[in-house]
Structure formats: C-alpha cells, structure tokens
Amino acid sequence: DGRRLAFEGFTTPGGRVAMMDTDPAEWKDLGQLPWSPPLTPEEAAAGIAEAPAPYDPLHPPTPPGPFDKPPPRPEQINGWPVSPYNPWPLAFPPRYWLPSALLTTTGDTLALYFIASTGGSDPLRHIGYNAYATWRTDAQFLGGGGSFTLNRWRPVLSASASTYVTPFSFVQIDPPDPTGPGIPGLESARTRYWDHRVRAGLSMSYPLTTKSALSAWYQASSRQPLDPLPEGAYTPQLPTRGFFSSLGVGWAYSSATASALSVSPEKGRVLTAGAEYKPSLLGSYTEDDDGNTVPFDQLQLTAQWREYRPAPWLHNHVFALRLAGGASLGDRFRYGSYRLGGSWSEGGVYVLPDEWRALRGFYPDSASGEWFWLGSGEYRFPLLRLDRGMGALPVFFRWLSGSLLVEAGNAFDDPTADAGAPLVGVGGELNANLIVGWAAGLNLRLGYAFAVSGSGIAPGSIDGLYLALGGSY
C-alpha cells in the first residue's frame, strides 16, 4: 500500500520479518541499541541473553594492521569443522544446461542454428566457466567453444577458445579459354564459400573504480575455407585467408542503473574505447592469390557511447541512444574490417565474427569498409508484468516490453571521400524476459525493421521479420 516497509532478516535463532511505517512522523527514536554476537547453541539453551557493551561508531576498535599476524583459525565453530575455502568442488559439476535454436538465413536459404550451452561457478564467484556446442544446418558444421574466468585476485584473468563459420558469396570459377566464339568470363560454382574461423585468447581486467576498468588481451585467430576450393576457383574474389595474432587494450565506464521493475537501463551511460594491433612480428600474415604468405600489420581503433534517459511522462519508459565508430589503419581485409547489417544480438549465446555490426532493416554486409559509424535510438516501454512460472517447470516469465527504433550508419574505405547517403532503418520490437533453469536470464526479441534510406529490406517484406536471443544494447 506504499505506507509500510517490510524487511526480512536472518539471525542464529532463524528468520524474522520487521515492519515499519514509511512516514517519518511515525518513526520512534530507540536510542543506541546494543549489539550482540550470534549465540552458540549451548548459550541459547542456557538462556544467556546478556549483550556486550554497545558498539560506539565514534570510537570503533582499532582494526588489525597489514603486518599483524591474523588470529589462528579455529578447528570448529559451534561444532562445525572449519577449513579454507575451496571453490573447485563447489563449481563442478555444471549448474545448468540451456538448449536453444535460431532461425538464420544465407542469401535466399533459411537454416537453423542449434546451440547447447552449460556452465557454472562457485558461490563466491572465484571461478566461472561455460561451454557450448553449435550446429548450422546450411553449412553442416559442428562448432563450439568455451571460456574460463579466475576472479580470485586482481586483475581478473580469462581464457577462451571457439570455432565457427561465417558465410560469403558463391565461389567463382575462371574457366579455360573457350574453343569457340564467345568472351571468357567468370562462372559461379554454385558452391558457397564458408569462412572457417578458429580463435583463442587470454585477457585480464583491472577495476579502476566501481564504475570503470582497464583491460588487455591477446588473441590468435585463423581464417581458412571450410571446404576444399573447386578446381579453377578465382582466388582474387575470395575472402581474406591467413593467421592473425593481436594485442589489445581497452577502457570501459558504466554508470547505467536499473530498478527491479525496469525493462532496460534507465539512467546513466556506458562508454568504451579500445585499440587492437595485429603485427607481423607476432606472426600475422595473409595468403595472396597464389597461396603465398604476406606479412600483415593493422591497427584498429573503436569507441562507443550509450546513453539511457527516463521518459518524463510514465514510469519505466526509457530513451536509449547509441553512437559507435571505428577505424582500421594499415593493411586491409578483403571485404572490409567492418560489415554493417543484420539484427544480431549482444550476449554470450553465440559468437559473431569480429567485423559484423548490427544495423536493423538491412541485410548482412549491406555496407563494408575500413571505417564505420553507427547511431541508434530506441524508445522502450513496459507492456505487461507477469512474474509467473509454469508449475514446477524451470521457466519463470518476468515481463513483456515493446520498443520503437531507428538506426543509421555507413562503412567506407576513405574518410576523405564522399561515402554517400547513410543507411537508415526503422522498426519495432516485442521483448520477453524469462528466467530458465532457475538461474539463467534469457531475453527474446521478436522484431520487424525495414530500410527508409539506402538499399535494404523493403517495407512489407518478410525479410524484415526476425527472432533473436539477447538484447540490442
């Protein structure tokens, strides 16, 4: 009723609920209350209730110094054995498994992308891990990966590895010169090029404040065709092949906050900036059209700004804004270091290629280049608060929300040249937030978007419909 506040606390005798009025006029001054340590079972049975002297916040006891010897660890407390904390037996076996499936498209072909994931951690989050396996029906490829995090000391250390494929256009064949009349030209092999990527990395993160952190990482990745190339394949049109070894540093700041009834971060901002260098001194190389190795050196710079502001007219209505950009200096990837298009989500459900950036209302790779910018705005609002489960099934429905969106961006190779009109898409989404497996949060997005500027998805086209796991930003 908004007039009383309830608090549940737990002490040695058990739990209890305390209630108080929210009106300060009803508050009572009880003075300084004594503090009592938890009673042992023997003391409770004997009826001992005498408290020690009250704790004086103005004259607290002197804390132990950094070189003071800690008190010896007791062998038992209240009859229970005492031993050092060991996270390993508490983190295994895995605590959940999550099957899921996504509908994806490759050109004019629909396919299914199956995912099975698992993971776990100890109660104090000293260690954490996850693993997943994937299957693409269009590529007939079994992928997967995993990661491990050690959060016991500072900096936080992580290791990860993954293998996946990403589609490109059909392989072109350069036929031999014709014996009869005609002009030689390229022919399609009707075989799609699947870029098989394997990557592994180490990273560390050091918190500067409660809102900001520095990070550094090393990553090694390989790019090769998944299937053998057909005889006579025209290699100048193939995507970049080779091995890339990189070092990177990053900075992140977040003041974004949300309440228990929020459908999105409602206040604050998120700022990120990063630099990644792929030097030939660390073994980076590409393969030329004849299969020879060529040293590769490239520096990538990226930055992003996200802003969340509450709407003044209704509770939990939010304006979410995003501005991102990046530049690649040095050697270039064929088909660009950045590729805009698609309705991809953020989160750890699946691994995206490094160069992909979502731009709703457009097909994947609608724009590509060595430079990019991307802007987005969303108006997010709650629709229905559920907070209901399904009997004893491990599914809990939290809320439904909606959003209206507009996105714009472009990618290009020369920042001094005219890149043309920006790509602009508009649309809307229906979002469902769930908890599955008693602990894992899941966000489902059903949306529709189309292009209003640039060559993208036409209004009314079925291609504008998408179902995705995870949030937009």
Protein backbone atom coordinates (compact mmCIF):
# COMPACT_ATOMS: atom_id res chain seq x y z
CA ASP A 1 0.00 0.00 0.00
CA GLY A 2 3.08 2.25 -0.08
CA ARG A 3 2.76 3.07 3.63
CA ARG A 4 4.85 0.31 5.20
CA LEU A 5 8.27 -1.20 4.59
CA ALA A 6 8.98 -4.86 5.35
CA PHE A 7 12.46 -6.25 5.97
CA GLU A 8 13.37 -9.91 6.31
CA GLY A 9 16.46 -10.70 8.34
CA PHE A 10 18.21 -13.90 9.41
CA THR A 11 19.91 -14.49 12.73
CA THR A 12 21.05 -17.53 14.68
CA PRO A 13 17.56 -18.39 16.02
CA GLY A 14 16.12 -18.12 12.47
CA GLY A 15 14.47 -15.61 10.16
CA ARG A 16 12.06 -12.87 11.08
CA VAL A 17 10.19 -10.04 9.36
CA ALA A 18 10.23 -6.47 10.69
CA MET A 19 7.84 -3.78 9.51
CA MET A 20 7.96 -0.01 9.79
CA ASP A 21 6.00 2.98 8.57
CA THR A 22 7.42 4.96 5.65
CA ASP A 23 6.08 8.17 7.15
CA PRO A 24 8.94 9.76 9.20
CA ALA A 25 6.35 11.21 11.59
CA GLU A 26 5.64 7.66 12.81
CA TRP A 27 9.27 6.78 13.48
CA LYS A 28 10.45 6.23 17.07
CA ASP A 29 13.87 7.10 18.44
CA LEU A 30 15.08 3.99 20.27
CA GLY A 31 18.50 5.43 21.01
CA GLN A 32 21.69 3.42 20.60
CA LEU A 33 20.93 -0.29 20.57
CA PRO A 34 23.35 -2.86 21.93
CA TRP A 35 25.00 -5.30 19.55
CA SER A 36 25.15 -9.00 20.33
CA PRO A 37 27.17 -11.66 18.54
CA PRO A 38 25.30 -14.79 17.44
CA LEU A 39 24.62 -17.08 20.37
CA THR A 40 26.02 -20.59 20.38
CA PRO A 41 23.51 -23.44 20.75
CA GLU A 42 24.80 -24.00 24.29
CA GLU A 43 24.28 -20.33 25.22
CA ALA A 44 20.83 -20.29 23.68
CA ALA A 45 19.90 -23.47 25.59
CA ALA A 46 21.17 -21.92 28.81
CA GLY A 47 19.07 -18.82 28.22
CA ILE A 48 22.05 -16.45 28.04
CA ALA A 49 20.94 -13.13 26.59
CA GLU A 50 23.41 -10.64 28.08
CA ALA A 51 24.92 -8.35 25.39
CA PRO A 52 28.38 -6.86 25.50
CA ALA A 53 28.97 -3.13 25.68
CA PRO A 54 27.30 -1.16 22.88
CA TYR A 55 29.33 -0.50 19.76
CA ASP A 56 30.38 3.15 19.61
CA PRO A 57 30.60 4.29 15.96
CA LEU A 58 32.57 7.38 17.01
CA HIS A 59 35.24 5.27 18.73
CA PRO A 60 35.45 1.98 16.83
CA PRO A 61 38.02 -0.62 17.81
CA THR A 62 41.38 -0.40 16.07
CA PRO A 63 41.42 -2.71 13.05
CA PRO A 64 44.38 -5.06 12.63
CA GLY A 65 47.33 -3.62 10.70
CA PRO A 66 48.54 -5.04 7.39
CA PHE A 67 51.51 -6.74 9.07
CA ASP A 68 49.65 -8.03 12.12
CA LYS A 69 49.54 -11.76 12.38
CA PRO A 70 45.97 -12.98 11.84
CA PRO A 71 44.37 -14.90 14.66
CA PRO A 72 44.67 -18.66 14.41
CA ARG A 73 41.86 -20.38 12.56
CA PRO A 74 39.73 -22.45 14.92
CA GLU A 75 39.23 -26.08 14.11
CA GLN A 76 35.49 -25.86 14.90
CA ILE A 77 32.79 -23.22 15.30
CA ASN A 78 29.63 -24.29 17.11
CA GLY A 79 30.52 -27.91 16.42
CA TRP A 80 31.08 -27.43 12.68
CA PRO A 81 34.53 -28.09 11.18
CA VAL A 82 36.41 -25.11 9.73
CA SER A 83 38.61 -25.37 6.63
CA PRO A 84 39.97 -22.96 3.99
CA TYR A 85 37.54 -22.03 1.22
CA ASN A 86 37.99 -24.22 -1.85
CA PRO A 87 35.97 -23.11 -4.91
CA TRP A 88 36.70 -26.08 -7.17
CA PRO A 89 34.40 -28.75 -5.70
CA LEU A 90 31.66 -26.10 -5.38
CA ALA A 91 31.82 -25.08 -9.06
CA PHE A 92 31.51 -28.57 -10.52
CA PRO A 93 29.52 -30.25 -11.94
CA PRO A 94 27.92 -27.58 -14.19
CA ARG A 95 24.86 -25.89 -12.73
CA TYR A 96 22.69 -25.66 -15.85
CA TRP A 97 22.29 -26.59 -19.49
CA LEU A 98 20.43 -24.47 -22.00
CA PRO A 99 19.30 -25.70 -25.43
CA SER A 100 18.18 -23.10 -27.98
CA ALA A 101 17.65 -22.69 -31.72
CA LEU A 102 17.80 -19.67 -34.01
CA LEU A 103 16.40 -19.14 -37.49
CA THR A 104 19.08 -17.74 -39.79
CA THR A 105 19.33 -17.01 -43.49
CA THR A 106 22.09 -17.26 -46.07
CA GLY A 107 21.01 -15.39 -49.16
CA ASP A 108 17.67 -16.91 -50.13
CA THR A 109 18.15 -20.02 -47.96
CA LEU A 110 16.66 -20.43 -44.48
CA ALA A 111 18.56 -22.52 -41.96
CA LEU A 112 18.55 -23.48 -38.29
CA TYR A 113 21.32 -22.68 -35.85
CA PHE A 114 21.21 -25.02 -32.83
CA ILE A 115 23.02 -24.16 -29.59
CA ALA A 116 23.56 -26.20 -26.42
CA SER A 117 25.36 -24.44 -23.57
CA THR A 118 26.34 -25.16 -19.99
CA GLY A 119 28.42 -23.56 -17.25
CA GLY A 120 28.88 -22.98 -13.55
CA SER A 121 30.67 -21.10 -10.79
CA ASP A 122 31.31 -21.33 -7.07
CA PRO A 123 29.14 -19.35 -4.60
CA LEU A 124 31.73 -16.58 -4.18
CA ARG A 125 32.37 -16.34 -7.94
CA HIS A 126 36.08 -17.01 -7.58
CA ILE A 127 35.98 -19.15 -10.73
CA GLY A 128 33.48 -19.41 -13.54
CA TYR A 129 33.26 -21.29 -16.81
CA ASN A 130 30.98 -22.02 -19.72
CA ALA A 131 30.98 -24.27 -22.76
CA TYR A 132 28.73 -24.57 -25.77
CA ALA A 133 28.28 -26.56 -28.98
CA THR A 134 26.63 -25.32 -32.18
CA TRP A 135 25.27 -26.85 -35.38
CA ARG A 136 24.40 -24.98 -38.60
CA THR A 137 22.14 -26.86 -40.98
CA ASP A 138 23.15 -24.81 -44.03
CA ALA A 139 26.90 -25.28 -43.52
CA GLN A 140 26.63 -28.76 -41.97
CA PHE A 141 29.19 -27.57 -39.43
CA LEU A 142 29.63 -28.55 -35.79
CA GLY A 143 31.21 -25.68 -33.86
CA GLY A 144 31.58 -24.66 -30.27
CA GLY A 145 33.77 -23.06 -27.68
CA GLY A 146 34.22 -22.22 -24.04
CA SER A 147 35.75 -19.84 -21.54
CA PHE A 148 37.18 -19.86 -18.03
CA THR A 149 37.50 -16.92 -15.60
CA LEU A 150 39.60 -16.63 -12.45
CA ASN A 151 38.16 -13.90 -10.22
CA ARG A 152 40.12 -14.60 -7.06
CA TRP A 153 42.62 -11.74 -7.33
CA ARG A 154 43.13 -8.56 -9.29
CA PRO A 155 43.37 -8.41 -12.22
CA VAL A 156 40.62 -10.80 -13.27
CA LEU A 157 42.01 -13.38 -15.73
CA SER A 158 40.10 -15.14 -18.51
CA ALA A 159 40.82 -17.63 -21.29
CA SER A 160 38.57 -18.55 -24.20
CA ALA A 161 38.51 -20.50 -27.46
CA SER A 162 35.93 -21.01 -30.21
CA THR A 163 35.43 -22.33 -33.72
CA TYR A 164 32.68 -21.18 -36.08
CA VAL A 165 31.89 -20.41 -39.72
CA THR A 166 30.58 -17.31 -41.46
CA PRO A 167 29.06 -17.26 -44.98
CA PHE A 168 30.20 -15.32 -48.01
CA SER A 169 29.02 -15.37 -51.64
CA PHE A 170 29.36 -18.26 -54.08
CA VAL A 171 32.82 -19.24 -55.27
CA GLN A 172 33.57 -18.02 -58.81
CA ILE A 173 35.44 -20.17 -61.35
CA ASP A 174 37.74 -18.82 -64.03
CA PRO A 175 37.07 -21.27 -66.92
CA PRO A 176 39.69 -22.07 -69.55
CA ASP A 177 39.57 -20.08 -72.76
CA PRO A 178 36.66 -21.25 -74.93
CA THR A 179 37.48 -23.00 -78.19
CA GLY A 180 34.53 -21.46 -79.99
CA PRO A 181 33.15 -17.95 -80.24
CA GLY A 182 32.43 -16.13 -77.02
CA ILE A 183 34.04 -13.94 -74.40
CA PRO A 184 35.76 -15.62 -71.44
CA GLY A 185 34.28 -14.72 -68.07
CA LEU A 186 33.72 -15.92 -64.52
CA GLU A 187 31.19 -18.61 -63.78
CA SER A 188 29.53 -19.44 -60.46
CA ALA A 189 30.45 -22.79 -58.96
CA ARG A 190 27.13 -22.74 -57.05
CA THR A 191 29.22 -23.56 -54.00
CA ARG A 192 29.04 -21.08 -51.14
CA TYR A 193 32.28 -20.00 -49.51
CA TRP A 194 32.19 -20.74 -45.79
CA ASP A 195 34.91 -18.97 -43.86
CA HIS A 196 36.08 -21.32 -41.10
CA ARG A 197 37.49 -19.41 -38.15
CA VAL A 198 39.29 -20.72 -35.08
CA ARG A 199 40.31 -18.31 -32.37
CA ALA A 200 41.73 -18.42 -28.86
CA GLY A 201 42.64 -15.69 -26.43
CA LEU A 202 43.77 -14.58 -22.99
CA SER A 203 42.53 -11.43 -21.28
CA MET A 204 42.76 -9.57 -17.99
CA SER A 205 40.66 -6.82 -16.47
CA TYR A 206 41.61 -4.46 -13.67
CA PRO A 207 38.93 -2.34 -11.97
CA LEU A 208 39.92 1.30 -11.57
CA THR A 209 36.78 2.32 -9.67
CA THR A 210 33.39 0.75 -9.03
CA LYS A 211 32.32 2.09 -12.45
CA SER A 212 35.40 1.78 -14.67
CA ALA A 213 38.01 -0.78 -15.61
CA LEU A 214 41.04 -1.29 -17.84
CA SER A 215 41.50 -4.45 -19.88
CA ALA A 216 44.20 -6.03 -22.02
CA TRP A 217 44.14 -9.12 -24.19
CA TYR A 218 45.95 -11.35 -26.64
CA GLN A 219 44.08 -13.16 -29.40
CA ALA A 220 45.12 -15.56 -32.14
CA SER A 221 42.78 -16.47 -34.99
CA SER A 222 42.88 -18.46 -38.19
CA ARG A 223 40.74 -17.94 -41.31
CA GLN A 224 40.54 -20.69 -43.93
CA PRO A 225 37.86 -22.11 -46.27
CA LEU A 226 35.70 -24.76 -44.64
CA ASP A 227 35.53 -26.90 -47.81
CA PRO A 228 38.22 -27.53 -50.44
CA LEU A 229 38.10 -24.97 -53.21
CA PRO A 230 36.80 -26.23 -56.55
CA GLU A 231 39.17 -26.57 -59.48
CA GLY A 232 39.80 -23.22 -61.14
CA ALA A 233 38.48 -21.11 -58.25
CA TYR A 234 39.01 -17.41 -58.87
CA THR A 235 41.07 -16.51 -55.80
CA PRO A 236 41.02 -12.67 -56.17
CA GLN A 237 37.37 -12.74 -55.08
CA LEU A 238 37.88 -14.99 -52.07
CA PRO A 239 37.73 -13.55 -48.53
CA THR A 240 40.94 -12.96 -46.61
CA ARG A 241 42.77 -16.13 -45.61
CA GLY A 242 45.58 -16.33 -43.09
CA PHE A 243 46.58 -16.17 -39.44
CA PHE A 244 46.24 -13.12 -37.20
CA SER A 245 47.87 -12.53 -33.83
CA SER A 246 46.82 -9.40 -31.96
CA LEU A 247 47.37 -7.43 -28.76
CA GLY A 248 44.71 -5.07 -27.45
CA VAL A 249 43.89 -2.66 -24.66
CA GLY A 250 40.53 -1.21 -23.65
CA TRP A 251 38.77 1.06 -21.19
CA ALA A 252 35.15 0.86 -20.05
CA TYR A 253 32.97 3.05 -17.87
CA SER A 254 29.36 2.41 -16.81
CA SER A 255 27.02 4.44 -14.63
CA ALA A 256 23.87 2.83 -16.04
CA THR A 257 21.34 1.78 -13.40
CA ALA A 258 18.01 -0.04 -13.36
CA SER A 259 15.34 -0.85 -10.79
CA ALA A 260 13.52 -4.10 -10.12
CA LEU A 261 10.68 -3.01 -12.43
CA SER A 262 12.90 -1.70 -15.23
CA VAL A 263 12.74 -3.18 -18.72
CA SER A 264 16.05 -1.51 -19.62
CA PRO A 265 18.81 0.52 -18.03
CA GLU A 266 17.08 3.78 -17.17
CA LYS A 267 19.74 6.24 -16.08
CA GLY A 268 23.39 6.83 -16.83
CA ARG A 269 25.73 5.99 -19.65
CA VAL A 270 28.22 3.41 -20.90
CA LEU A 271 31.50 4.50 -22.53
CA THR A 272 34.04 2.15 -24.13
CA ALA A 273 37.22 2.63 -26.13
CA GLY A 274 39.72 0.13 -27.44
CA ALA A 275 42.77 -0.38 -29.62
CA GLU A 276 43.94 -3.66 -31.17
CA TYR A 277 47.18 -4.18 -33.08
CA LYS A 278 47.84 -7.12 -35.40
CA PRO A 279 51.60 -7.02 -36.11
CA SER A 280 53.55 -9.28 -38.44
CA LEU A 281 56.16 -9.50 -35.66
CA LEU A 282 53.67 -11.72 -33.77
CA GLY A 283 53.11 -13.92 -36.81
CA SER A 284 50.19 -12.20 -38.55
CA TYR A 285 50.02 -12.95 -42.28
CA THR A 286 47.59 -13.30 -45.17
CA GLU A 287 47.66 -15.55 -48.22
CA ASP A 288 47.82 -13.93 -51.63
CA ASP A 289 46.02 -15.19 -54.74
CA ASP A 290 48.80 -17.74 -55.36
CA GLY A 291 48.76 -19.08 -51.79
CA ASN A 292 51.96 -17.33 -50.69
CA THR A 293 52.15 -15.76 -47.22
CA VAL A 294 52.29 -11.96 -46.96
CA PRO A 295 53.08 -10.10 -43.68
CA PHE A 296 50.06 -8.31 -42.21
CA ASP A 297 50.11 -5.23 -39.97
CA GLN A 298 46.95 -3.42 -38.89
CA LEU A 299 45.76 -1.15 -36.06
CA GLN A 300 42.05 -0.98 -35.19
CA LEU A 301 40.51 1.78 -33.06
CA THR A 302 36.90 1.61 -31.80
CA ALA A 303 34.73 3.63 -29.41
CA GLN A 304 31.12 3.60 -28.26
CA TRP A 305 28.76 5.81 -26.24
CA ARG A 306 25.45 4.60 -24.84
CA GLU A 307 23.04 6.90 -23.04
CA TYR A 308 19.90 5.95 -21.08
CA ARG A 309 17.34 8.56 -20.04
CA PRO A 310 13.91 8.04 -18.42
CA ALA A 311 10.90 9.48 -20.23
CA PRO A 312 9.25 12.23 -18.15
CA TRP A 313 5.66 11.11 -18.68
CA LEU A 314 5.50 7.47 -17.43
CA HIS A 315 7.48 5.24 -15.11
CA ASN A 316 9.94 2.78 -16.68
CA HIS A 317 9.68 4.36 -20.13
CA VAL A 318 13.21 4.88 -21.43
CA PHE A 319 15.07 6.58 -24.26
CA ALA A 320 18.17 4.53 -25.21
CA LEU A 321 20.77 6.10 -27.51
CA ARG A 322 23.97 4.68 -29.00
CA LEU A 323 26.80 6.12 -31.09
CA ALA A 324 29.71 3.93 -32.22
CA GLY A 325 32.59 4.23 -34.65
CA GLY A 326 35.81 2.57 -35.69
CA ALA A 327 38.82 2.88 -37.98
CA SER A 328 41.39 0.40 -39.33
CA LEU A 329 44.84 1.68 -40.26
CA GLY A 330 47.45 -0.24 -42.22
CA ASP A 331 46.84 -3.42 -44.19
CA ARG A 332 43.27 -4.23 -45.17
CA PHE A 333 40.97 -7.21 -45.03
CA ARG A 334 39.29 -8.10 -48.29
CA TYR A 335 35.61 -7.11 -47.98
CA GLY A 336 36.44 -4.70 -45.16
CA SER A 337 37.28 -4.73 -41.46
CA TYR A 338 33.69 -3.68 -40.63
CA ARG A 339 30.47 -5.01 -42.17
CA LEU A 340 27.10 -3.43 -41.31
CA GLY A 341 23.70 -5.09 -41.46
CA GLY A 342 21.54 -7.68 -39.74
CA SER A 343 19.65 -7.87 -36.45
CA TRP A 344 22.29 -9.52 -34.29
CA SER A 345 22.04 -9.51 -30.51
CA GLU A 346 24.53 -8.87 -27.75
CA GLY A 347 25.31 -11.56 -25.22
CA GLY A 348 27.08 -14.89 -24.89
CA VAL A 349 24.52 -17.05 -26.68
CA TYR A 350 26.56 -17.27 -29.88
CA VAL A 351 29.81 -15.89 -31.32
CA LEU A 352 29.70 -13.25 -34.05
CA PRO A 353 32.54 -12.57 -36.49
CA ASP A 354 34.70 -9.69 -35.29
CA GLU A 355 33.80 -7.41 -38.19
CA TRP A 356 29.99 -7.65 -38.03
CA ARG A 357 27.94 -4.75 -36.69
CA ALA A 358 24.14 -4.91 -36.42
CA LEU A 359 22.10 -2.44 -38.49
CA ARG A 360 18.43 -3.42 -38.38
CA GLY A 361 16.43 -3.02 -41.57
CA PHE A 362 19.35 -4.12 -43.75
CA TYR A 363 20.78 -7.40 -44.95
CA PRO A 364 24.17 -8.53 -43.58
CA ASP A 365 27.09 -6.85 -45.36
CA SER A 366 24.93 -4.03 -46.73
CA ALA A 367 27.95 -1.76 -46.22
CA SER A 368 31.58 -2.67 -45.60
CA GLY A 369 34.90 -0.89 -45.32
CA GLU A 370 37.85 0.07 -43.14
CA TRP A 371 35.91 2.85 -41.36
CA PHE A 372 32.40 2.86 -39.94
CA TRP A 373 29.95 4.86 -37.86
CA LEU A 374 26.67 3.71 -36.36
CA GLY A 375 23.91 5.55 -34.49
CA SER A 376 20.78 4.14 -32.88
CA GLY A 377 17.83 5.36 -30.87
CA GLU A 378 15.10 3.36 -29.11
CA TYR A 379 12.01 4.26 -27.12
CA ARG A 380 11.41 1.36 -24.70
CA PHE A 381 8.26 0.85 -22.64
CA PRO A 382 6.73 -1.92 -20.47
CA LEU A 383 3.65 -3.78 -21.69
CA LEU A 384 2.89 -6.49 -19.15
CA ARG A 385 4.40 -7.53 -15.84
CA LEU A 386 3.97 -11.30 -15.45
CA ASP A 387 6.20 -12.63 -12.64
CA ARG A 388 4.70 -16.08 -13.08
CA GLY A 389 6.06 -19.57 -13.57
CA MET A 390 4.63 -22.77 -15.01
CA GLY A 391 4.08 -25.12 -12.09
CA ALA A 392 7.33 -26.83 -11.17
CA LEU A 393 8.89 -26.31 -14.62
CA PRO A 394 12.17 -24.33 -14.57
CA VAL A 395 10.67 -21.40 -16.53
CA PHE A 396 9.73 -18.06 -14.99
CA PHE A 397 8.18 -15.27 -17.10
CA ARG A 398 9.16 -11.81 -15.88
CA TRP A 399 7.81 -9.18 -18.26
CA LEU A 400 6.90 -8.16 -21.80
CA SER A 401 8.03 -4.85 -23.25
CA GLY A 402 7.99 -3.03 -26.55
CA SER A 403 10.33 -0.67 -28.36
CA LEU A 404 10.35 1.64 -31.37
CA LEU A 405 13.71 2.06 -33.08
CA VAL A 406 15.62 4.00 -35.69
CA GLU A 407 19.17 3.18 -36.75
CA ALA A 408 21.61 4.78 -39.18
CA GLY A 409 25.16 4.05 -40.23
CA ASN A 410 27.68 3.59 -43.00
CA ALA A 411 31.01 1.95 -43.76
CA PHE A 412 33.66 3.13 -46.22
CA ASP A 413 37.35 2.86 -47.09
CA ASP A 414 38.33 6.52 -47.49
CA PRO A 415 37.15 9.01 -44.82
CA THR A 416 38.03 11.94 -47.10
CA ALA A 417 35.79 10.75 -49.95
CA ASP A 418 32.02 11.08 -50.15
CA ALA A 419 30.56 7.86 -48.70
CA GLY A 420 27.07 8.64 -49.96
CA ALA A 421 23.81 8.84 -48.09
CA PRO A 422 23.72 6.94 -44.79
CA LEU A 423 21.76 3.72 -44.40
CA VAL A 424 18.67 4.35 -42.25
CA GLY A 425 16.31 1.70 -40.88
CA VAL A 426 13.23 1.88 -38.66
CA GLY A 427 11.16 -0.76 -36.88
CA GLY A 428 9.74 -2.10 -33.65
CA GLU A 429 10.28 -5.00 -31.26
CA LEU A 430 8.42 -7.09 -28.72
CA ASN A 431 10.71 -8.25 -25.90
CA ALA A 432 10.11 -11.11 -23.46
CA ASN A 433 12.33 -11.57 -20.40
CA LEU A 434 12.48 -15.02 -18.74
CA ILE A 435 14.47 -17.00 -16.23
CA VAL A 436 15.16 -20.57 -17.30
CA GLY A 437 16.85 -23.34 -15.39
CA TRP A 438 16.16 -21.46 -12.13
CA ALA A 439 19.08 -19.09 -12.69
CA ALA A 440 19.81 -18.21 -16.32
CA GLY A 441 18.32 -14.97 -17.61
CA LEU A 442 17.00 -15.04 -21.18
CA ASN A 443 15.75 -12.23 -23.40
CA LEU A 444 13.75 -12.94 -26.57
CA ARG A 445 13.25 -10.27 -29.23
CA LEU A 446 10.62 -10.52 -31.95
CA GLY A 447 11.01 -7.59 -34.29
CA TYR A 448 10.41 -6.13 -37.70
CA ALA A 449 12.58 -3.49 -39.40
CA PHE A 450 12.93 -2.07 -42.89
CA ALA A 451 15.04 0.49 -44.72
CA VAL A 452 13.93 4.05 -45.37
CA SER A 453 17.26 5.20 -46.89
CA GLY A 454 19.72 3.02 -48.75
CA SER A 455 19.43 -0.37 -50.39
CA GLY A 456 17.94 -2.55 -47.67
CA ILE A 457 14.83 -4.50 -46.72
CA ALA A 458 11.72 -3.13 -48.41
CA PRO A 459 8.68 -2.20 -46.30
CA GLY A 460 6.30 -5.16 -46.11
CA SER A 461 8.97 -7.73 -46.99
CA ILE A 462 9.04 -10.89 -44.87
CA ASP A 463 12.82 -10.50 -44.69
CA GLY A 464 12.33 -7.72 -42.15
CA LEU A 465 10.97 -10.16 -39.54
CA TYR A 466 13.46 -11.57 -37.03
CA LEU A 467 13.57 -13.54 -33.77
CA ALA A 468 16.73 -13.16 -31.72
CA LEU A 469 18.17 -14.15 -28.34
CA GLY A 470 19.73 -11.38 -26.26
CA GLY A 471 19.37 -7.61 -26.16
CA SER A 472 20.22 -4.96 -28.70
CA TYR A 473 22.26 -2.70 -26.40
